[in-house]
Protein backbone atom coordinates (compact mmCIF):
# COMPACT_ATOMS: atom_id res chain seq x y z
CA UNK A 1 33.77 20.66 -15.18
CA UNK A 2 32.57 17.23 -16.55
CA UNK A 3 31.32 14.00 -14.58
CA UNK A 4 33.59 10.91 -15.95
CA UNK A 5 31.11 7.46 -16.20
CA UNK A 6 33.73 5.36 -16.47
CA UNK A 7 33.01 3.57 -12.95
CA UNK A 8 29.50 2.35 -14.42
CA UNK A 9 28.18 -1.00 -15.51
CA UNK A 10 25.73 -0.09 -17.64
CA UNK A 11 22.76 -3.25 -18.34
CA UNK A 12 21.97 -2.75 -22.38
CA UNK A 13 19.08 -4.74 -22.81
CA UNK A 14 17.04 -4.92 -26.67
CA UNK A 15 15.78 -8.43 -29.19
CA UNK A 16 18.62 -6.59 -31.18
CA UNK A 17 22.23 -7.44 -31.10
CA UNK A 18 22.39 -4.46 -33.90
CA UNK A 19 21.57 -2.06 -31.17
CA UNK A 20 23.10 -3.18 -28.00
CA UNK A 21 25.70 -2.42 -30.14
CA UNK A 22 25.40 0.42 -31.01
CA UNK A 23 24.36 2.09 -27.49
CA UNK A 24 27.33 0.63 -26.54
CA UNK A 25 29.83 1.84 -28.90
CA UNK A 26 27.35 5.45 -28.14
CA UNK A 27 28.18 4.47 -23.86
CA UNK A 28 31.70 4.08 -25.01
CA UNK A 29 32.47 7.76 -25.80
CA UNK A 30 30.85 8.47 -22.67
CA UNK A 31 34.25 6.28 -21.77
CA UNK A 32 31.22 3.56 -20.47
CA UNK A 33 33.92 0.37 -19.50
CA UNK A 34 31.59 -2.24 -18.54
CA UNK A 35 28.48 -3.35 -20.43
CA UNK A 36 25.52 -6.22 -19.64
CA UNK A 37 23.92 -7.19 -22.28
CA UNK A 38 20.51 -8.91 -22.00
CA UNK A 39 18.41 -10.06 -24.77
CA UNK A 40 15.02 -9.31 -23.11
CA UNK A 41 13.54 -8.40 -19.68
CA UNK A 42 13.72 -12.09 -18.07
CA UNK A 43 16.92 -12.16 -19.27
CA UNK A 44 17.94 -8.97 -17.98
CA UNK A 45 15.74 -9.68 -13.73
CA UNK A 46 18.26 -12.89 -14.55
CA UNK A 47 21.70 -11.05 -14.75
CA UNK A 48 20.92 -8.42 -12.25
CA UNK A 49 19.40 -10.68 -9.46
């Protein structure tokens, strides 16, 4: 019995675009389909408002 993460929307925050892609690639392996990207805390807060 496993759980699916495909219904999650994930906010990935990092100032390094390469690391954002690495994290998204890993999460895709867990069936996460929806992402938002932010380059820092200020950008992240704007996205979640």
